[in-house]
PDB file of N, CA and C in Angstrom:
ATOM      1  N   VAL A   1      -5.107 -20.350   2.487  1.00  0.00           N
ATOM      2  CA  VAL A   1      -5.896 -19.254   3.003  1.00  0.00           C
ATOM      3  C   VAL A   1      -5.135 -17.966   2.750  1.00  0.00           C
ATOM      4  N   GLY A   2      -5.815 -16.990   2.252  1.00  0.00           N
ATOM      5  CA  GLY A   2      -5.194 -15.701   2.011  1.00  0.00           C
ATOM      6  C   GLY A   2      -6.131 -14.571   2.390  1.00  0.00           C
ATOM      7  N   LEU A   3      -5.564 -13.526   2.955  1.00  0.00           N
ATOM      8  CA  LEU A   3      -6.318 -12.328   3.305  1.00  0.00           C
ATOM      9  C   LEU A   3      -5.808 -11.176   2.467  1.00  0.00           C
ATOM     10  N   SER A   4      -6.718 -10.355   2.025  1.00  0.00           N
ATOM     11  CA  SER A   4      -6.305  -9.221   1.220  1.00  0.00           C
ATOM     12  C   SER A   4      -7.242  -8.051   1.466  1.00  0.00           C
ATOM     13  N   ASN A   5      -6.687  -6.861   1.452  1.00  0.00           N
ATOM     14  CA  ASN A   5      -7.502  -5.656   1.525  1.00  0.00           C
ATOM     15  C   ASN A   5      -7.894  -5.179   0.132  1.00  0.00           C
ATOM     16  N   TRP A   6      -7.442  -5.877  -0.882  1.00  0.00           N
ATOM     17  CA  TRP A   6      -7.655  -5.469  -2.265  1.00  0.00           C
ATOM     18  C   TRP A   6      -8.619  -6.421  -2.950  1.00  0.00           C
ATOM     19  N   ARG A   7      -9.260  -5.919  -3.957  1.00  0.00           N
ATOM     20  CA  ARG A   7     -10.184  -6.722  -4.748  1.00  0.00           C
ATOM     21  C   ARG A   7      -9.400  -7.756  -5.554  1.00  0.00           C
ATOM     22  N   LEU A   8      -9.898  -8.972  -5.606  1.00  0.00           N
ATOM     23  CA  LEU A   8      -9.231 -10.035  -6.350  1.00  0.00           C
ATOM     24  C   LEU A   8      -9.587  -9.950  -7.834  1.00  0.00           C
ATOM     25  N   ASP A   9      -8.648 -10.362  -8.673  1.00  0.00           N
ATOM     26  CA  ASP A   9      -8.950 -10.387 -10.101  1.00  0.00           C
ATOM     27  C   ASP A   9      -9.766 -11.642 -10.422  1.00  0.00           C
ATOM     28  N   ALA A  10     -10.277 -11.705 -11.640  1.00  0.00           N
ATOM     29  CA  ALA A  10     -11.197 -12.779 -12.027  1.00  0.00           C
ATOM     30  C   ALA A  10     -10.558 -14.159 -11.934  1.00  0.00           C
ATOM     31  N   SER A  11      -9.284 -14.288 -12.260  1.00  0.00           N
ATOM     32  CA  SER A  11      -8.647 -15.606 -12.217  1.00  0.00           C
ATOM     33  C   SER A  11      -8.522 -16.130 -10.786  1.00  0.00           C
ATOM     34  N   LYS A  12      -8.291 -15.249  -9.842  1.00  0.00           N
ATOM     35  CA  LYS A  12      -8.197 -15.683  -8.445  1.00  0.00           C
ATOM     36  C   LYS A  12      -9.579 -15.962  -7.856  1.00  0.00           C
ATOM     37  N   MET A  13     -10.566 -15.187  -8.260  1.00  0.00           N
ATOM     38  CA  MET A  13     -11.918 -15.411  -7.745  1.00  0.00           C
ATOM     39  C   MET A  13     -12.505 -16.704  -8.286  1.00  0.00           C
ATOM     40  N   ASN A  14     -12.020 -17.153  -9.418  1.00  0.00           N
ATOM     41  CA  ASN A  14     -12.491 -18.400  -9.995  1.00  0.00           C
ATOM     42  C   ASN A  14     -12.088 -19.592  -9.132  1.00  0.00           C
ATOM     43  N   ARG A  15     -10.991 -19.455  -8.390  1.00  0.00           N
ATOM     44  CA  ARG A  15     -10.473 -20.560  -7.584  1.00  0.00           C
ATOM     45  C   ARG A  15     -10.664 -20.352  -6.092  1.00  0.00           C
ATOM     46  N   ALA A  16     -11.422 -19.360  -5.692  1.00  0.00           N
ATOM     47  CA  ALA A  16     -11.497 -19.045  -4.271  1.00  0.00           C
ATOM     48  C   ALA A  16     -12.917 -18.663  -3.871  1.00  0.00           C
ATOM     49  N   LEU A  17     -13.122 -18.670  -2.594  1.00  0.00           N
ATOM     50  CA  LEU A  17     -14.366 -18.179  -2.029  1.00  0.00           C
ATOM     51  C   LEU A  17     -14.140 -16.721  -1.656  1.00  0.00           C
ATOM     52  N   TYR A  18     -14.944 -15.843  -2.173  1.00  0.00           N
ATOM     53  CA  TYR A  18     -14.783 -14.406  -1.944  1.00  0.00           C
ATOM     54  C   TYR A  18     -15.735 -13.976  -0.835  1.00  0.00           C
ATOM     55  N   LEU A  19     -15.186 -13.421   0.215  1.00  0.00           N
ATOM     56  CA  LEU A  19     -15.974 -12.947   1.345  1.00  0.00           C
ATOM     57  C   LEU A  19     -15.668 -11.469   1.552  1.00  0.00           C
ATOM     58  N   ALA A  20     -16.651 -10.633   1.376  1.00  0.00           N
ATOM     59  CA  ALA A  20     -16.466  -9.190   1.543  1.00  0.00           C
ATOM     60  C   ALA A  20     -17.145  -8.753   2.833  1.00  0.00           C
ATOM     61  N   CYS A  21     -16.422  -8.013   3.643  1.00  0.00           N
ATOM     62  CA  CYS A  21     -16.956  -7.501   4.910  1.00  0.00           C
ATOM     63  C   CYS A  21     -17.083  -5.987   4.814  1.00  0.00           C
ATOM     64  N   PRO A  22     -18.194  -5.446   5.275  1.00  0.00           N
ATOM     65  CA  PRO A  22     -18.332  -3.984   5.251  1.00  0.00           C
ATOM     66  C   PRO A  22     -17.417  -3.343   6.287  1.00  0.00           C
ATOM     67  N   ASP A  23     -17.172  -2.056   6.118  1.00  0.00           N
ATOM     68  CA  ASP A  23     -16.371  -1.330   7.096  1.00  0.00           C
ATOM     69  C   ASP A  23     -17.102  -1.326   8.436  1.00  0.00           C
ATOM     70  N   PRO A  24     -16.376  -1.556   9.527  1.00  0.00           N
ATOM     71  CA  PRO A  24     -17.029  -1.612  10.839  1.00  0.00           C
ATOM     72  C   PRO A  24     -17.397  -0.221  11.347  1.00  0.00           C
ATOM     73  N   ASP A  25     -18.436  -0.177  12.176  1.00  0.00           N
ATOM     74  CA  ASP A  25     -18.760   1.074  12.859  1.00  0.00           C
ATOM     75  C   ASP A  25     -18.170   1.019  14.270  1.00  0.00           C
ATOM     76  N   VAL A  26     -18.429   2.028  15.070  1.00  0.00           N
ATOM     77  CA  VAL A  26     -17.838   2.108  16.408  1.00  0.00           C
ATOM     78  C   VAL A  26     -18.280   0.928  17.267  1.00  0.00           C
ATOM     79  N   ASN A  27     -19.544   0.548  17.172  1.00  0.00           N
ATOM     80  CA  ASN A  27     -20.040  -0.572  17.980  1.00  0.00           C
ATOM     81  C   ASN A  27     -19.349  -1.879  17.606  1.00  0.00           C
ATOM     82  N   ASP A  28     -19.108  -2.090  16.326  1.00  0.00           N
ATOM     83  CA  ASP A  28     -18.388  -3.288  15.886  1.00  0.00           C
ATOM     84  C   ASP A  28     -16.971  -3.310  16.445  1.00  0.00           C
ATOM     85  N   LEU A  29     -16.309  -2.165  16.404  1.00  0.00           N
ATOM     86  CA  LEU A  29     -14.942  -2.082  16.931  1.00  0.00           C
ATOM     87  C   LEU A  29     -14.916  -2.316  18.438  1.00  0.00           C
ATOM     88  N   GLN A  30     -15.893  -1.772  19.154  1.00  0.00           N
ATOM     89  CA  GLN A  30     -15.955  -1.981  20.600  1.00  0.00           C
ATOM     90  C   GLN A  30     -16.187  -3.450  20.928  1.00  0.00           C
ATOM     91  N   LEU A  31     -17.100  -4.082  20.215  1.00  0.00           N
ATOM     92  CA  LEU A  31     -17.377  -5.499  20.447  1.00  0.00           C
ATOM     93  C   LEU A  31     -16.152  -6.353  20.142  1.00  0.00           C
ATOM     94  N   THR A  32     -15.475  -6.056  19.055  1.00  0.00           N
ATOM     95  CA  THR A  32     -14.268  -6.795  18.693  1.00  0.00           C
ATOM     96  C   THR A  32     -13.186  -6.621  19.747  1.00  0.00           C
ATOM     97  N   ALA A  33     -12.997  -5.391  20.215  1.00  0.00           N
ATOM     98  CA  ALA A  33     -11.973  -5.125  21.228  1.00  0.00           C
ATOM     99  C   ALA A  33     -12.291  -5.847  22.534  1.00  0.00           C
ATOM    100  N   LYS A  34     -13.546  -5.843  22.936  1.00  0.00           N
ATOM    101  CA  LYS A  34     -13.931  -6.535  24.175  1.00  0.00           C
ATOM    102  C   LYS A  34     -13.775  -8.042  24.037  1.00  0.00           C
ATOM    103  N   THR A  35     -14.018  -8.569  22.854  1.00  0.00           N
ATOM    104  CA  THR A  35     -13.825  -9.998  22.621  1.00  0.00           C
ATOM    105  C   THR A  35     -12.346 -10.362  22.688  1.00  0.00           C
ATOM    106  N   ILE A  36     -11.491  -9.544  22.102  1.00  0.00           N
ATOM    107  CA  ILE A  36     -10.044  -9.774  22.190  1.00  0.00           C
ATOM    108  C   ILE A  36      -9.600  -9.704  23.645  1.00  0.00           C
ATOM    109  N   LEU A  37     -10.112  -8.717  24.374  1.00  0.00           N
ATOM    110  CA  LEU A  37      -9.776  -8.567  25.789  1.00  0.00           C
ATOM    111  C   LEU A  37     -10.178  -9.807  26.578  1.00  0.00           C
ATOM    112  N   LYS A  38     -11.397 -10.294  26.353  1.00  0.00           N
ATOM    113  CA  LYS A  38     -11.860 -11.485  27.080  1.00  0.00           C
ATOM    114  C   LYS A  38     -11.014 -12.705  26.758  1.00  0.00           C
ATOM    115  N   SER A  39     -10.639 -12.858  25.502  1.00  0.00           N
ATOM    116  CA  SER A  39      -9.847 -14.034  25.128  1.00  0.00           C
ATOM    117  C   SER A  39      -8.462 -13.992  25.752  1.00  0.00           C
ATOM    118  N   MET A  40      -7.889 -12.802  25.886  1.00  0.00           N
ATOM    119  CA  MET A  40      -6.571 -12.687  26.506  1.00  0.00           C
ATOM    120  C   MET A  40      -6.671 -12.667  28.028  1.00  0.00           C
ATOM    121  N   ALA A  41      -7.795 -12.194  28.560  1.00  0.00           N
ATOM    122  CA  ALA A  41      -7.959 -12.066  30.008  1.00  0.00           C
ATOM    123  C   ALA A  41      -8.304 -13.385  30.670  1.00  0.00           C
ATOM    124  N   SER A  42      -8.710 -14.361  29.909  1.00  0.00           N
ATOM    125  CA  SER A  42      -9.111 -15.632  30.515  1.00  0.00           C
ATOM    126  C   SER A  42      -7.959 -16.311  31.232  1.00  0.00           C
ATOM    127  N   THR A  43      -6.733 -15.962  30.898  1.00  0.00           N
ATOM    128  CA  THR A  43      -5.576 -16.585  31.533  1.00  0.00           C
ATOM    129  C   THR A  43      -4.871 -15.658  32.512  1.00  0.00           C
ATOM    130  N   HIS A  44      -5.395 -14.462  32.723  1.00  0.00           N
ATOM    131  CA  HIS A  44      -4.685 -13.496  33.563  1.00  0.00           C
ATOM    132  C   HIS A  44      -5.686 -12.655  34.349  1.00  0.00           C
ATOM    133  N   ASP A  45      -5.481 -12.560  35.668  1.00  0.00           N
ATOM    134  CA  ASP A  45      -6.403 -11.808  36.521  1.00  0.00           C
ATOM    135  C   ASP A  45      -6.236 -10.299  36.402  1.00  0.00           C
ATOM    136  N   GLN A  46      -5.047  -9.842  36.083  1.00  0.00           N
ATOM    137  CA  GLN A  46      -4.745  -8.411  36.057  1.00  0.00           C
ATOM    138  C   GLN A  46      -5.605  -7.672  35.034  1.00  0.00           C
ATOM    139  N   VAL A  47      -5.934  -8.306  33.955  1.00  0.00           N
ATOM    140  CA  VAL A  47      -6.679  -7.643  32.886  1.00  0.00           C
ATOM    141  C   VAL A  47      -8.113  -7.357  33.311  1.00  0.00           C
ATOM    142  N   ALA A  48      -8.583  -8.065  34.313  1.00  0.00           N
ATOM    143  CA  ALA A  48      -9.945  -7.835  34.783  1.00  0.00           C
ATOM    144  C   ALA A  48     -10.121  -6.418  35.331  1.00  0.00           C
ATOM    145  N   ARG A  49      -9.016  -5.756  35.674  1.00  0.00           N
ATOM    146  CA  ARG A  49      -9.085  -4.393  36.205  1.00  0.00           C
ATOM    147  C   ARG A  49      -9.311  -3.351  35.114  1.00  0.00           C
ATOM    148  N   ILE A  50      -9.230  -3.721  33.877  1.00  0.00           N
ATOM    149  CA  ILE A  50      -9.358  -2.750  32.786  1.00  0.00           C
ATOM    150  C   ILE A  50     -10.783  -2.214  32.734  1.00  0.00           C
ATOM    151  N   ASP A  51     -10.881  -0.916  32.719  1.00  0.00           N
ATOM    152  CA  ASP A  51     -12.172  -0.251  32.628  1.00  0.00           C
ATOM    153  C   ASP A  51     -12.631  -0.290  31.168  1.00  0.00           C
ATOM    154  N   ASN A  52     -13.914  -0.503  30.963  1.00  0.00           N
ATOM    155  CA  ASN A  52     -14.447  -0.530  29.595  1.00  0.00           C
ATOM    156  C   ASN A  52     -14.308   0.816  28.898  1.00  0.00           C
ATOM    157  N   LYS A  53     -14.118   1.893  29.671  1.00  0.00           N
ATOM    158  CA  LYS A  53     -13.933   3.212  29.059  1.00  0.00           C
ATOM    159  C   LYS A  53     -12.671   3.238  28.199  1.00  0.00           C
ATOM    160  N   ILE A  54     -11.642   2.497  28.624  1.00  0.00           N
ATOM    161  CA  ILE A  54     -10.402   2.444  27.841  1.00  0.00           C
ATOM    162  C   ILE A  54     -10.678   1.827  26.478  1.00  0.00           C
ATOM    163  N   ILE A  55     -11.347   0.691  26.483  1.00  0.00           N
ATOM    164  CA  ILE A  55     -11.651  -0.021  25.238  1.00  0.00           C
ATOM    165  C   ILE A  55     -12.565   0.826  24.351  1.00  0.00           C
ATOM    166  N   ASP A  56     -13.603   1.401  24.950  1.00  0.00           N
ATOM    167  CA  ASP A  56     -14.538   2.219  24.170  1.00  0.00           C
ATOM    168  C   ASP A  56     -13.845   3.445  23.574  1.00  0.00           C
ATOM    169  N   SER A  57     -12.959   4.061  24.345  1.00  0.00           N
ATOM    170  CA  SER A  57     -12.239   5.244  23.856  1.00  0.00           C
ATOM    171  C   SER A  57     -11.276   4.892  22.731  1.00  0.00           C
ATOM    172  N   LEU A  58     -10.577   3.760  22.870  1.00  0.00           N
ATOM    173  CA  LEU A  58      -9.671   3.331  21.800  1.00  0.00           C
ATOM    174  C   LEU A  58     -10.440   3.031  20.516  1.00  0.00           C
ATOM    175  N   ALA A  59     -11.590   2.377  20.656  1.00  0.00           N
ATOM    176  CA  ALA A  59     -12.405   2.061  19.480  1.00  0.00           C
ATOM    177  C   ALA A  59     -12.921   3.337  18.816  1.00  0.00           C
ATOM    178  N   ALA A  60     -13.381   4.286  19.624  1.00  0.00           N
ATOM    179  CA  ALA A  60     -13.887   5.549  19.067  1.00  0.00           C
ATOM    180  C   ALA A  60     -12.767   6.338  18.390  1.00  0.00           C
ATOM    181  N   ALA A  61     -11.596   6.372  19.015  1.00  0.00           N
ATOM    182  CA  ALA A  61     -10.463   7.098  18.423  1.00  0.00           C
ATOM    183  C   ALA A  61     -10.025   6.449  17.116  1.00  0.00           C
ATOM    184  N   TYR A  62      -9.982   5.126  17.083  1.00  0.00           N
ATOM    185  CA  TYR A  62      -9.586   4.439  15.856  1.00  0.00           C
ATOM    186  C   TYR A  62     -10.620   4.668  14.750  1.00  0.00           C
ATOM    187  N   PHE A  63     -11.897   4.650  15.105  1.00  0.00           N
ATOM    188  CA  PHE A  63     -12.944   4.891  14.113  1.00  0.00           C
ATOM    189  C   PHE A  63     -12.829   6.302  13.540  1.00  0.00           C
ATOM    190  N   ASP A  64     -12.566   7.296  14.400  1.00  0.00           N
ATOM    191  CA  ASP A  64     -12.384   8.672  13.924  1.00  0.00           C
ATOM    192  C   ASP A  64     -11.175   8.780  12.999  1.00  0.00           C
ATOM    193  N   LEU A  65     -10.086   8.122  13.370  1.00  0.00           N
ATOM    194  CA  LEU A  65      -8.888   8.111  12.525  1.00  0.00           C
ATOM    195  C   LEU A  65      -9.189   7.451  11.180  1.00  0.00           C
ATOM    196  N   TYR A  66      -9.890   6.336  11.215  1.00  0.00           N
ATOM    197  CA  TYR A  66     -10.248   5.597  10.004  1.00  0.00           C
ATOM    198  C   TYR A  66     -11.111   6.460   9.080  1.00  0.00           C
ATOM    199  N   LYS A  67     -12.088   7.175   9.661  1.00  0.00           N
ATOM    200  CA  LYS A  67     -12.941   8.068   8.874  1.00  0.00           C
ATOM    201  C   LYS A  67     -12.140   9.217   8.278  1.00  0.00           C
ATOM    202  N   HIS A  68     -11.252   9.784   9.073  1.00  0.00           N
ATOM    203  CA  HIS A  68     -10.437  10.916   8.624  1.00  0.00           C
ATOM    204  C   HIS A  68      -9.513  10.509   7.475  1.00  0.00           C
ATOM    205  N   ILE A  69      -8.940   9.338   7.580  1.00  0.00           N
ATOM    206  CA  ILE A  69      -7.999   8.880   6.550  1.00  0.00           C
ATOM    207  C   ILE A  69      -8.731   8.497   5.260  1.00  0.00           C
ATOM    208  N   ARG A  70      -9.966   8.033   5.369  1.00  0.00           N
ATOM    209  CA  ARG A  70     -10.742   7.675   4.172  1.00  0.00           C
ATOM    210  C   ARG A  70     -10.972   8.882   3.271  1.00  0.00           C
ATOM    211  N   VAL A  71     -11.015  10.066   3.853  1.00  0.00           N
ATOM    212  CA  VAL A  71     -11.247  11.289   3.077  1.00  0.00           C
ATOM    213  C   VAL A  71     -10.035  11.623   2.220  1.00  0.00           C
ATOM    214  N   GLN A  72      -8.854  11.366   2.733  1.00  0.00           N
ATOM    215  CA  GLN A  72      -7.617  11.667   2.012  1.00  0.00           C
ATOM    216  C   GLN A  72      -7.220  10.449   1.181  1.00  0.00           C
ATOM    217  N   THR A  73      -7.356  10.552  -0.116  1.00  0.00           N
ATOM    218  CA  THR A  73      -7.159   9.392  -0.984  1.00  0.00           C
ATOM    219  C   THR A  73      -5.735   8.852  -0.975  1.00  0.00           C
ATOM    220  N   GLN A  74      -4.754   9.677  -0.694  1.00  0.00           N
ATOM    221  CA  GLN A  74      -3.374   9.185  -0.700  1.00  0.00           C
ATOM    222  C   GLN A  74      -3.105   8.238   0.468  1.00  0.00           C
ATOM    223  N   TYR A  75      -3.895   8.345   1.543  1.00  0.00           N
ATOM    224  CA  TYR A  75      -3.727   7.474   2.707  1.00  0.00           C
ATOM    225  C   TYR A  75      -4.911   6.531   2.885  1.00  0.00           C
ATOM    226  N   ASN A  76      -5.657   6.300   1.835  1.00  0.00           N
ATOM    227  CA  ASN A  76      -6.902   5.551   1.914  1.00  0.00           C
ATOM    228  C   ASN A  76      -6.751   4.183   2.577  1.00  0.00           C
ATOM    229  N   ASN A  77      -5.707   3.461   2.283  1.00  0.00           N
ATOM    230  CA  ASN A  77      -5.522   2.122   2.846  1.00  0.00           C
ATOM    231  C   ASN A  77      -4.318   2.050   3.781  1.00  0.00           C
ATOM    232  N   TYR A  78      -3.987   3.161   4.418  1.00  0.00           N
ATOM    233  CA  TYR A  78      -2.806   3.186   5.277  1.00  0.00           C
ATOM    234  C   TYR A  78      -3.026   2.366   6.546  1.00  0.00           C
ATOM    235  N   PHE A  79      -4.178   2.511   7.175  1.00  0.00           N
ATOM    236  CA  PHE A  79      -4.518   1.732   8.364  1.00  0.00           C
ATOM    237  C   PHE A  79      -5.608   0.739   8.014  1.00  0.00           C
ATOM    238  N   GLY A  80      -5.497  -0.451   8.548  1.00  0.00           N
ATOM    239  CA  GLY A  80      -6.514  -1.468   8.364  1.00  0.00           C
ATOM    240  C   GLY A  80      -6.950  -2.024   9.705  1.00  0.00           C
ATOM    241  N   LEU A  81      -7.840  -2.987   9.666  1.00  0.00           N
ATOM    242  CA  LEU A  81      -8.334  -3.577  10.906  1.00  0.00           C
ATOM    243  C   LEU A  81      -7.254  -4.351  11.646  1.00  0.00           C
ATOM    244  N   ARG A  82      -6.278  -4.877  10.922  1.00  0.00           N
ATOM    245  CA  ARG A  82      -5.186  -5.582  11.610  1.00  0.00           C
ATOM    246  C   ARG A  82      -4.425  -4.647  12.536  1.00  0.00           C
ATOM    247  N   ASP A  83      -4.325  -3.384  12.155  1.00  0.00           N
ATOM    248  CA  ASP A  83      -3.680  -2.400  13.027  1.00  0.00           C
ATOM    249  C   ASP A  83      -4.487  -2.194  14.307  1.00  0.00           C
ATOM    250  N   PHE A  84      -5.807  -2.189  14.187  1.00  0.00           N
ATOM    251  CA  PHE A  84      -6.658  -2.047  15.374  1.00  0.00           C
ATOM    252  C   PHE A  84      -6.519  -3.264  16.283  1.00  0.00           C
ATOM    253  N   TYR A  85      -6.537  -4.453  15.694  1.00  0.00           N
ATOM    254  CA  TYR A  85      -6.377  -5.671  16.497  1.00  0.00           C
ATOM    255  C   TYR A  85      -5.040  -5.653  17.224  1.00  0.00           C
ATOM    256  N   SER A  86      -4.008  -5.248  16.535  1.00  0.00           N
ATOM    257  CA  SER A  86      -2.677  -5.185  17.133  1.00  0.00           C
ATOM    258  C   SER A  86      -2.629  -4.144  18.252  1.00  0.00           C
ATOM    259  N   LEU A  87      -3.291  -3.020  18.065  1.00  0.00           N
ATOM    260  CA  LEU A  87      -3.358  -1.991  19.100  1.00  0.00           C
ATOM    261  C   LEU A  87      -3.996  -2.545  20.368  1.00  0.00           C
ATOM    262  N   ILE A  88      -5.131  -3.198  20.232  1.00  0.00           N
ATOM    263  CA  ILE A  88      -5.835  -3.739  21.399  1.00  0.00           C
ATOM    264  C   ILE A  88      -4.992  -4.806  22.083  1.00  0.00           C
ATOM    265  N   LYS A  89      -4.410  -5.704  21.311  1.00  0.00           N
ATOM    266  CA  LYS A  89      -3.569  -6.748  21.906  1.00  0.00           C
ATOM    267  C   LYS A  89      -2.372  -6.150  22.630  1.00  0.00           C
ATOM    268  N   GLY A  90      -1.773  -5.119  22.055  1.00  0.00           N
ATOM    269  CA  GLY A  90      -0.632  -4.471  22.692  1.00  0.00           C
ATOM    270  C   GLY A  90      -1.011  -3.799  23.999  1.00  0.00           C
ATOM    271  N   VAL A  91      -2.146  -3.112  24.017  1.00  0.00           N
ATOM    272  CA  VAL A  91      -2.605  -2.459  25.247  1.00  0.00           C
ATOM    273  C   VAL A  91      -2.907  -3.498  26.318  1.00  0.00           C
ATOM    274  N   VAL A  92      -3.571  -4.573  25.937  1.00  0.00           N
ATOM    275  CA  VAL A  92      -3.895  -5.627  26.907  1.00  0.00           C
ATOM    276  C   VAL A  92      -2.621  -6.269  27.443  1.00  0.00           C
ATOM    277  N   ARG A  93      -1.655  -6.533  26.568  1.00  0.00           N
ATOM    278  CA  ARG A  93      -0.381  -7.114  27.023  1.00  0.00           C
ATOM    279  C   ARG A  93       0.329  -6.202  28.013  1.00  0.00           C
ATOM    280  N   GLU A  94       0.354  -4.913  27.707  1.00  0.00           N
ATOM    281  CA  GLU A  94       0.992  -3.953  28.618  1.00  0.00           C
ATOM    282  C   GLU A  94       0.281  -3.922  29.966  1.00  0.00           C
ATOM    283  N   LEU A  95      -1.036  -3.968  29.945  1.00  0.00           N
ATOM    284  CA  LEU A  95      -1.781  -3.935  31.200  1.00  0.00           C
ATOM    285  C   LEU A  95      -1.618  -5.229  31.993  1.00  0.00           C
ATOM    286  N   MET A  96      -1.369  -6.332  31.303  1.00  0.00           N
ATOM    287  CA  MET A  96      -1.126  -7.589  32.011  1.00  0.00           C
ATOM    288  C   MET A  96       0.206  -7.549  32.745  1.00  0.00           C
ATOM    289  N   GLN A  97       1.138  -6.736  32.269  1.00  0.00           N
ATOM    290  CA  GLN A  97       2.448  -6.646  32.895  1.00  0.00           C
ATOM    291  C   GLN A  97       2.481  -5.651  34.051  1.00  0.00           C
ATOM    292  N   CYS A  98       1.404  -4.883  34.228  1.00  0.00           N
ATOM    293  CA  CYS A  98       1.353  -3.932  35.338  1.00  0.00           C
ATOM    294  C   CYS A  98       1.303  -4.688  36.661  1.00  0.00           C
ATOM    295  N   LYS A  99       1.960  -4.144  37.628  1.00  0.00           N
ATOM    296  CA  LYS A  99       1.903  -4.710  38.972  1.00  0.00           C
ATOM    297  C   LYS A  99       0.602  -4.257  39.633  1.00  0.00           C
ATOM    298  N   GLU A 100       0.237  -4.908  40.711  1.00  0.00           N
ATOM    299  CA  GLU A 100      -1.021  -4.606  41.400  1.00  0.00           C
ATOM    300  C   GLU A 100      -1.075  -3.161  41.890  1.00  0.00           C
ATOM    301  N   ASN A 101       0.043  -2.634  42.377  1.00  0.00           N
ATOM    302  CA  ASN A 101       0.037  -1.281  42.926  1.00  0.00           C
ATOM    303  C   ASN A 101       0.372  -0.210  41.885  1.00  0.00           C
ATOM    304  N   ASP A 102       0.642  -0.587  40.649  1.00  0.00           N
ATOM    305  CA  ASP A 102       0.911   0.384  39.587  1.00  0.00           C
ATOM    306  C   ASP A 102      -0.383   1.079  39.173  1.00  0.00           C
ATOM    307  N   ASN A 103      -0.247   2.325  38.794  1.00  0.00           N
ATOM    308  CA  ASN A 103      -1.394   3.060  38.285  1.00  0.00           C
ATOM    309  C   ASN A 103      -1.438   2.872  36.775  1.00  0.00           C
ATOM    310  N   MET A 104      -2.432   2.159  36.282  1.00  0.00           N
ATOM    311  CA  MET A 104      -2.483   1.838  34.856  1.00  0.00           C
ATOM    312  C   MET A 104      -2.925   3.008  33.996  1.00  0.00           C
ATOM    313  N   TYR A 105      -3.350   4.100  34.595  1.00  0.00           N
ATOM    314  CA  TYR A 105      -3.837   5.238  33.822  1.00  0.00           C
ATOM    315  C   TYR A 105      -2.780   6.314  33.633  1.00  0.00           C
ATOM    316  N   GLU A 106      -1.537   6.040  33.964  1.00  0.00           N
ATOM    317  CA  GLU A 106      -0.471   7.024  33.775  1.00  0.00           C
ATOM    318  C   GLU A 106       0.103   6.922  32.393  1.00  0.00           C
TER     319      GLU A 106
END
């Protein structure tokens, strides 16, 4: 199994199944982030306190960054979806480590 952000050459496509996914919109990013949150939250009660505004704002900010970077050709492939997944997982992990009386919005 291999993942690539680049187009495969003909010799590799001859031996593989090629699956192309379109660029996600804000709704796709929000749904993906909420799914990651649910999968990580199933084992931890603390994550249930996360407001959906956090997830929606992160998805919107990442989408704006992604759009902005697409315009500048030198940074065209600087950020990918793996960076977004890692961002969401990192935020969820940090929020899982918050104590009950900690203010998670600081």
